[in-house]
Amino acid sequence: MKVEELRKKIRCGETSRVQFKQQFTTQKEIAADMVAFANCEGGELLFGVRDKTGEVLGLDYDAIQRTSRELGNTANEQVRPTLYIQTDVMELDGKM
C-alpha cells in the first residue's frame, strides 16, 4: 500500500473492512475483528490510529514489535481454523 492510499483510508474512517486501533488490546478482542474480516473476505486493522477520530498517533519500535508478535499469536491461538495474516509497517507524517 502506498502512503497516499493509507492516508485516504484513514480520511474515509472506519468501515466493515477497515478498523482503527490505538494499540493492541487483548487477543480475544483482536480475534473477533480477525474473524469478522475472514467472514467478509478480508480487512485491515490499522494500529497507531485513534479509534473514531482517525488521528495518527503512531507506535514506537517496541510497540510495533509487540503488536506484530501478538497478531501472529492471536491468529494462531485464538482463531480456528488458523488465519494466515500479513503485517506491514508504514511511516505517515513522521510516525510509524
N, C-alpha and C. Protein backbone atom coordinates (compact mmCIF):
# COMPACT_ATOMS: atom_id res chain seq x y z
N MET A 1 0.85 -1.16 0.00
CA MET A 1 0.00 0.00 0.00
C MET A 1 0.90 1.24 0.00
N LYS A 2 0.53 2.21 -0.76
CA LYS A 2 1.29 3.46 -0.80
C LYS A 2 0.78 4.41 0.28
N VAL A 3 1.61 5.37 0.63
CA VAL A 3 1.28 6.32 1.70
C VAL A 3 -0.01 7.06 1.40
N GLU A 4 -0.21 7.50 0.18
CA GLU A 4 -1.45 8.24 -0.15
C GLU A 4 -2.68 7.36 -0.03
N GLU A 5 -2.54 6.09 -0.35
CA GLU A 5 -3.66 5.15 -0.20
C GLU A 5 -4.00 4.99 1.29
N LEU A 6 -2.98 4.87 2.13
CA LEU A 6 -3.19 4.78 3.57
C LEU A 6 -3.85 6.04 4.10
N ARG A 7 -3.36 7.18 3.68
CA ARG A 7 -3.93 8.47 4.11
C ARG A 7 -5.42 8.54 3.74
N LYS A 8 -5.76 8.09 2.54
CA LYS A 8 -7.16 8.11 2.08
C LYS A 8 -8.02 7.18 2.93
N LYS A 9 -7.50 5.98 3.24
CA LYS A 9 -8.27 5.04 4.08
C LYS A 9 -8.58 5.66 5.44
N ILE A 10 -7.59 6.33 6.01
CA ILE A 10 -7.79 6.94 7.32
C ILE A 10 -8.79 8.08 7.22
N ARG A 11 -8.68 8.90 6.18
CA ARG A 11 -9.64 10.01 5.99
C ARG A 11 -11.07 9.51 5.84
N CYS A 12 -11.25 8.36 5.20
CA CYS A 12 -12.58 7.81 4.98
C CYS A 12 -13.19 7.21 6.25
N GLY A 13 -12.36 6.94 7.24
CA GLY A 13 -12.86 6.43 8.52
C GLY A 13 -13.04 4.92 8.53
N GLU A 14 -13.50 4.44 9.66
CA GLU A 14 -13.68 3.01 9.83
C GLU A 14 -14.84 2.50 8.99
N THR A 15 -14.67 1.28 8.51
CA THR A 15 -15.71 0.61 7.74
C THR A 15 -15.75 -0.85 8.18
N SER A 16 -16.54 -1.65 7.50
CA SER A 16 -16.57 -3.08 7.83
C SER A 16 -15.27 -3.77 7.43
N ARG A 17 -14.43 -3.12 6.65
CA ARG A 17 -13.16 -3.70 6.22
C ARG A 17 -11.93 -2.96 6.74
N VAL A 18 -12.12 -1.86 7.41
CA VAL A 18 -11.00 -1.08 7.97
C VAL A 18 -11.37 -0.67 9.40
N GLN A 19 -10.51 -1.07 10.34
CA GLN A 19 -10.74 -0.72 11.74
C GLN A 19 -9.47 -0.07 12.30
N PHE A 20 -9.65 0.95 13.11
CA PHE A 20 -8.54 1.65 13.74
C PHE A 20 -8.34 1.12 15.16
N LYS A 21 -7.08 0.98 15.54
CA LYS A 21 -6.72 0.57 16.90
C LYS A 21 -5.59 1.46 17.36
N GLN A 22 -5.76 2.09 18.49
CA GLN A 22 -4.70 2.92 19.04
C GLN A 22 -3.49 2.06 19.39
N GLN A 23 -3.78 0.85 19.94
CA GLN A 23 -2.73 -0.10 20.30
C GLN A 23 -3.36 -1.48 20.37
N PHE A 24 -2.53 -2.50 20.51
CA PHE A 24 -3.04 -3.86 20.67
C PHE A 24 -3.75 -3.93 22.01
N THR A 25 -4.95 -4.47 22.03
CA THR A 25 -5.72 -4.55 23.27
C THR A 25 -5.58 -5.96 23.84
N THR A 26 -6.52 -6.83 23.55
CA THR A 26 -6.45 -8.21 24.02
C THR A 26 -6.56 -9.16 22.83
N GLN A 27 -6.03 -10.36 23.01
CA GLN A 27 -6.15 -11.34 21.94
C GLN A 27 -7.61 -11.63 21.61
N LYS A 28 -8.44 -11.69 22.62
CA LYS A 28 -9.86 -12.00 22.39
C LYS A 28 -10.53 -10.93 21.52
N GLU A 29 -10.28 -9.66 21.83
CA GLU A 29 -10.88 -8.56 21.06
C GLU A 29 -10.35 -8.54 19.63
N ILE A 30 -9.05 -8.70 19.47
CA ILE A 30 -8.46 -8.68 18.14
C ILE A 30 -8.91 -9.90 17.34
N ALA A 31 -9.03 -11.05 17.99
CA ALA A 31 -9.51 -12.26 17.31
C ALA A 31 -10.92 -12.05 16.75
N ALA A 32 -11.76 -11.34 17.49
CA ALA A 32 -13.12 -11.06 16.99
C ALA A 32 -13.06 -10.26 15.70
N ASP A 33 -12.18 -9.27 15.64
CA ASP A 33 -12.01 -8.49 14.40
C ASP A 33 -11.48 -9.37 13.28
N MET A 34 -10.52 -10.22 13.59
CA MET A 34 -9.95 -11.12 12.57
C MET A 34 -11.02 -12.03 11.98
N VAL A 35 -11.86 -12.60 12.85
CA VAL A 35 -12.92 -13.49 12.38
C VAL A 35 -13.92 -12.73 11.52
N ALA A 36 -14.27 -11.53 11.94
CA ALA A 36 -15.20 -10.71 11.14
C ALA A 36 -14.62 -10.44 9.76
N PHE A 37 -13.35 -10.10 9.71
CA PHE A 37 -12.70 -9.85 8.41
C PHE A 37 -12.66 -11.12 7.57
N ALA A 38 -12.35 -12.25 8.20
CA ALA A 38 -12.29 -13.52 7.47
C ALA A 38 -13.65 -13.87 6.88
N ASN A 39 -14.71 -13.53 7.60
CA ASN A 39 -16.06 -13.83 7.12
C ASN A 39 -16.50 -12.93 5.98
N CYS A 40 -15.82 -11.80 5.79
CA CYS A 40 -16.18 -10.92 4.66
C CYS A 40 -15.02 -10.80 3.69
N GLU A 41 -14.19 -11.83 3.64
CA GLU A 41 -13.10 -11.95 2.67
C GLU A 41 -12.01 -10.89 2.83
N GLY A 42 -11.74 -10.48 4.05
CA GLY A 42 -10.57 -9.64 4.30
C GLY A 42 -10.89 -8.30 4.92
N GLY A 43 -9.84 -7.72 5.47
CA GLY A 43 -9.96 -6.41 6.09
C GLY A 43 -8.61 -5.99 6.65
N GLU A 44 -8.57 -4.80 7.20
CA GLU A 44 -7.32 -4.25 7.72
C GLU A 44 -7.51 -3.63 9.09
N LEU A 45 -6.62 -3.98 9.98
CA LEU A 45 -6.53 -3.33 11.29
C LEU A 45 -5.38 -2.34 11.19
N LEU A 46 -5.66 -1.09 11.44
CA LEU A 46 -4.62 -0.06 11.39
C LEU A 46 -4.28 0.35 12.82
N PHE A 47 -3.12 -0.06 13.27
CA PHE A 47 -2.67 0.25 14.63
C PHE A 47 -1.94 1.58 14.65
N GLY A 48 -2.05 2.28 15.78
CA GLY A 48 -1.44 3.59 15.90
C GLY A 48 -2.35 4.69 15.38
N VAL A 49 -3.63 4.35 15.20
CA VAL A 49 -4.63 5.31 14.73
C VAL A 49 -5.74 5.35 15.75
N ARG A 50 -6.07 6.54 16.23
CA ARG A 50 -7.10 6.68 17.25
C ARG A 50 -8.46 6.25 16.71
N ASP A 51 -9.10 5.36 17.45
CA ASP A 51 -10.43 4.88 17.11
C ASP A 51 -11.39 6.08 17.08
N LYS A 52 -12.29 6.09 16.17
CA LYS A 52 -13.34 7.10 15.99
C LYS A 52 -12.86 8.38 15.29
N THR A 53 -11.69 8.93 15.67
CA THR A 53 -11.27 10.20 15.08
C THR A 53 -10.32 10.04 13.91
N GLY A 54 -9.59 8.93 13.85
CA GLY A 54 -8.64 8.72 12.78
C GLY A 54 -7.34 9.48 12.96
N GLU A 55 -7.12 10.03 14.14
CA GLU A 55 -5.86 10.74 14.40
C GLU A 55 -4.71 9.74 14.39
N VAL A 56 -3.66 10.06 13.61
CA VAL A 56 -2.50 9.18 13.54
C VAL A 56 -1.61 9.45 14.74
N LEU A 57 -1.47 8.44 15.60
CA LEU A 57 -0.66 8.55 16.80
C LEU A 57 0.70 7.87 16.63
N GLY A 58 0.72 6.82 15.84
CA GLY A 58 1.94 6.05 15.63
C GLY A 58 2.23 5.12 16.79
N LEU A 59 3.23 4.27 16.59
CA LEU A 59 3.70 3.33 17.60
C LEU A 59 5.21 3.43 17.66
N ASP A 60 5.78 3.23 18.85
CA ASP A 60 7.24 3.20 18.93
C ASP A 60 7.73 1.81 18.52
N TYR A 61 9.04 1.67 18.39
CA TYR A 61 9.63 0.42 17.90
C TYR A 61 9.17 -0.78 18.72
N ASP A 62 9.24 -0.68 20.04
CA ASP A 62 8.84 -1.80 20.90
C ASP A 62 7.38 -2.17 20.71
N ALA A 63 6.51 -1.17 20.57
CA ALA A 63 5.08 -1.43 20.37
C ALA A 63 4.84 -2.10 19.01
N ILE A 64 5.59 -1.69 18.01
CA ILE A 64 5.46 -2.32 16.69
C ILE A 64 5.83 -3.80 16.78
N GLN A 65 6.94 -4.10 17.44
CA GLN A 65 7.39 -5.48 17.56
C GLN A 65 6.40 -6.31 18.38
N ARG A 66 5.92 -5.76 19.47
CA ARG A 66 4.97 -6.46 20.34
C ARG A 66 3.65 -6.71 19.59
N THR A 67 3.18 -5.70 18.88
CA THR A 67 1.92 -5.82 18.13
C THR A 67 2.04 -6.89 17.06
N SER A 68 3.12 -6.88 16.32
CA SER A 68 3.32 -7.87 15.27
C SER A 68 3.35 -9.28 15.85
N ARG A 69 4.05 -9.46 16.94
CA ARG A 69 4.13 -10.77 17.59
C ARG A 69 2.75 -11.20 18.09
N GLU A 70 2.03 -10.29 18.75
CA GLU A 70 0.72 -10.63 19.30
C GLU A 70 -0.31 -10.92 18.21
N LEU A 71 -0.21 -10.23 17.08
CA LEU A 71 -1.13 -10.51 15.98
C LEU A 71 -0.93 -11.94 15.47
N GLY A 72 0.31 -12.33 15.29
CA GLY A 72 0.60 -13.70 14.86
C GLY A 72 0.12 -14.72 15.87
N ASN A 73 0.39 -14.45 17.14
CA ASN A 73 -0.06 -15.37 18.20
C ASN A 73 -1.58 -15.47 18.23
N THR A 74 -2.25 -14.35 18.09
CA THR A 74 -3.72 -14.33 18.11
C THR A 74 -4.29 -15.14 16.96
N ALA A 75 -3.77 -14.94 15.76
CA ALA A 75 -4.26 -15.67 14.59
C ALA A 75 -4.04 -17.16 14.74
N ASN A 76 -2.96 -17.54 15.43
CA ASN A 76 -2.62 -18.95 15.61
C ASN A 76 -3.35 -19.60 16.79
N GLU A 77 -3.51 -18.86 17.87
CA GLU A 77 -4.03 -19.44 19.11
C GLU A 77 -5.52 -19.23 19.34
N GLN A 78 -6.08 -18.15 18.83
CA GLN A 78 -7.45 -17.78 19.15
C GLN A 78 -8.47 -18.02 18.04
N VAL A 79 -8.00 -18.31 16.84
CA VAL A 79 -8.90 -18.43 15.69
C VAL A 79 -8.76 -19.82 15.09
N ARG A 80 -9.90 -20.47 14.83
CA ARG A 80 -9.92 -21.78 14.19
C ARG A 80 -10.85 -21.73 13.00
N PRO A 81 -10.47 -22.18 11.82
CA PRO A 81 -9.12 -22.57 11.50
C PRO A 81 -8.17 -21.38 11.59
N THR A 82 -6.89 -21.68 11.78
CA THR A 82 -5.86 -20.66 11.91
C THR A 82 -5.87 -19.74 10.69
N LEU A 83 -5.73 -18.46 10.95
CA LEU A 83 -5.62 -17.48 9.86
C LEU A 83 -4.16 -17.19 9.58
N TYR A 84 -3.84 -16.97 8.35
CA TYR A 84 -2.50 -16.57 7.96
C TYR A 84 -2.58 -15.09 7.60
N ILE A 85 -1.93 -14.28 8.41
CA ILE A 85 -2.07 -12.84 8.27
C ILE A 85 -0.80 -12.23 7.68
N GLN A 86 -0.94 -11.02 7.22
CA GLN A 86 0.18 -10.26 6.68
C GLN A 86 0.26 -8.96 7.46
N THR A 87 1.45 -8.60 7.91
CA THR A 87 1.63 -7.33 8.61
C THR A 87 2.59 -6.45 7.82
N ASP A 88 2.48 -5.16 8.04
CA ASP A 88 3.34 -4.19 7.37
C ASP A 88 3.48 -2.99 8.28
N VAL A 89 4.58 -2.29 8.15
CA VAL A 89 4.82 -1.06 8.91
C VAL A 89 5.03 0.06 7.90
N MET A 90 4.34 1.17 8.11
CA MET A 90 4.49 2.33 7.22
C MET A 90 4.71 3.59 8.05
N GLU A 91 5.41 4.53 7.47
CA GLU A 91 5.59 5.84 8.10
C GLU A 91 4.60 6.81 7.48
N LEU A 92 3.92 7.55 8.34
CA LEU A 92 2.94 8.53 7.88
C LEU A 92 3.10 9.77 8.75
N ASP A 93 3.40 10.88 8.13
CA ASP A 93 3.60 12.15 8.85
C ASP A 93 4.65 12.01 9.95
N GLY A 94 5.72 11.29 9.65
CA GLY A 94 6.82 11.14 10.60
C GLY A 94 6.54 10.17 11.73
N LYS A 95 5.43 9.46 11.66
CA LYS A 95 5.07 8.50 12.71
C LYS A 95 5.00 7.11 12.10
N MET A 96 5.38 6.12 12.90
CA MET A 96 5.34 4.72 12.44
C MET A 96 4.11 4.05 13.01
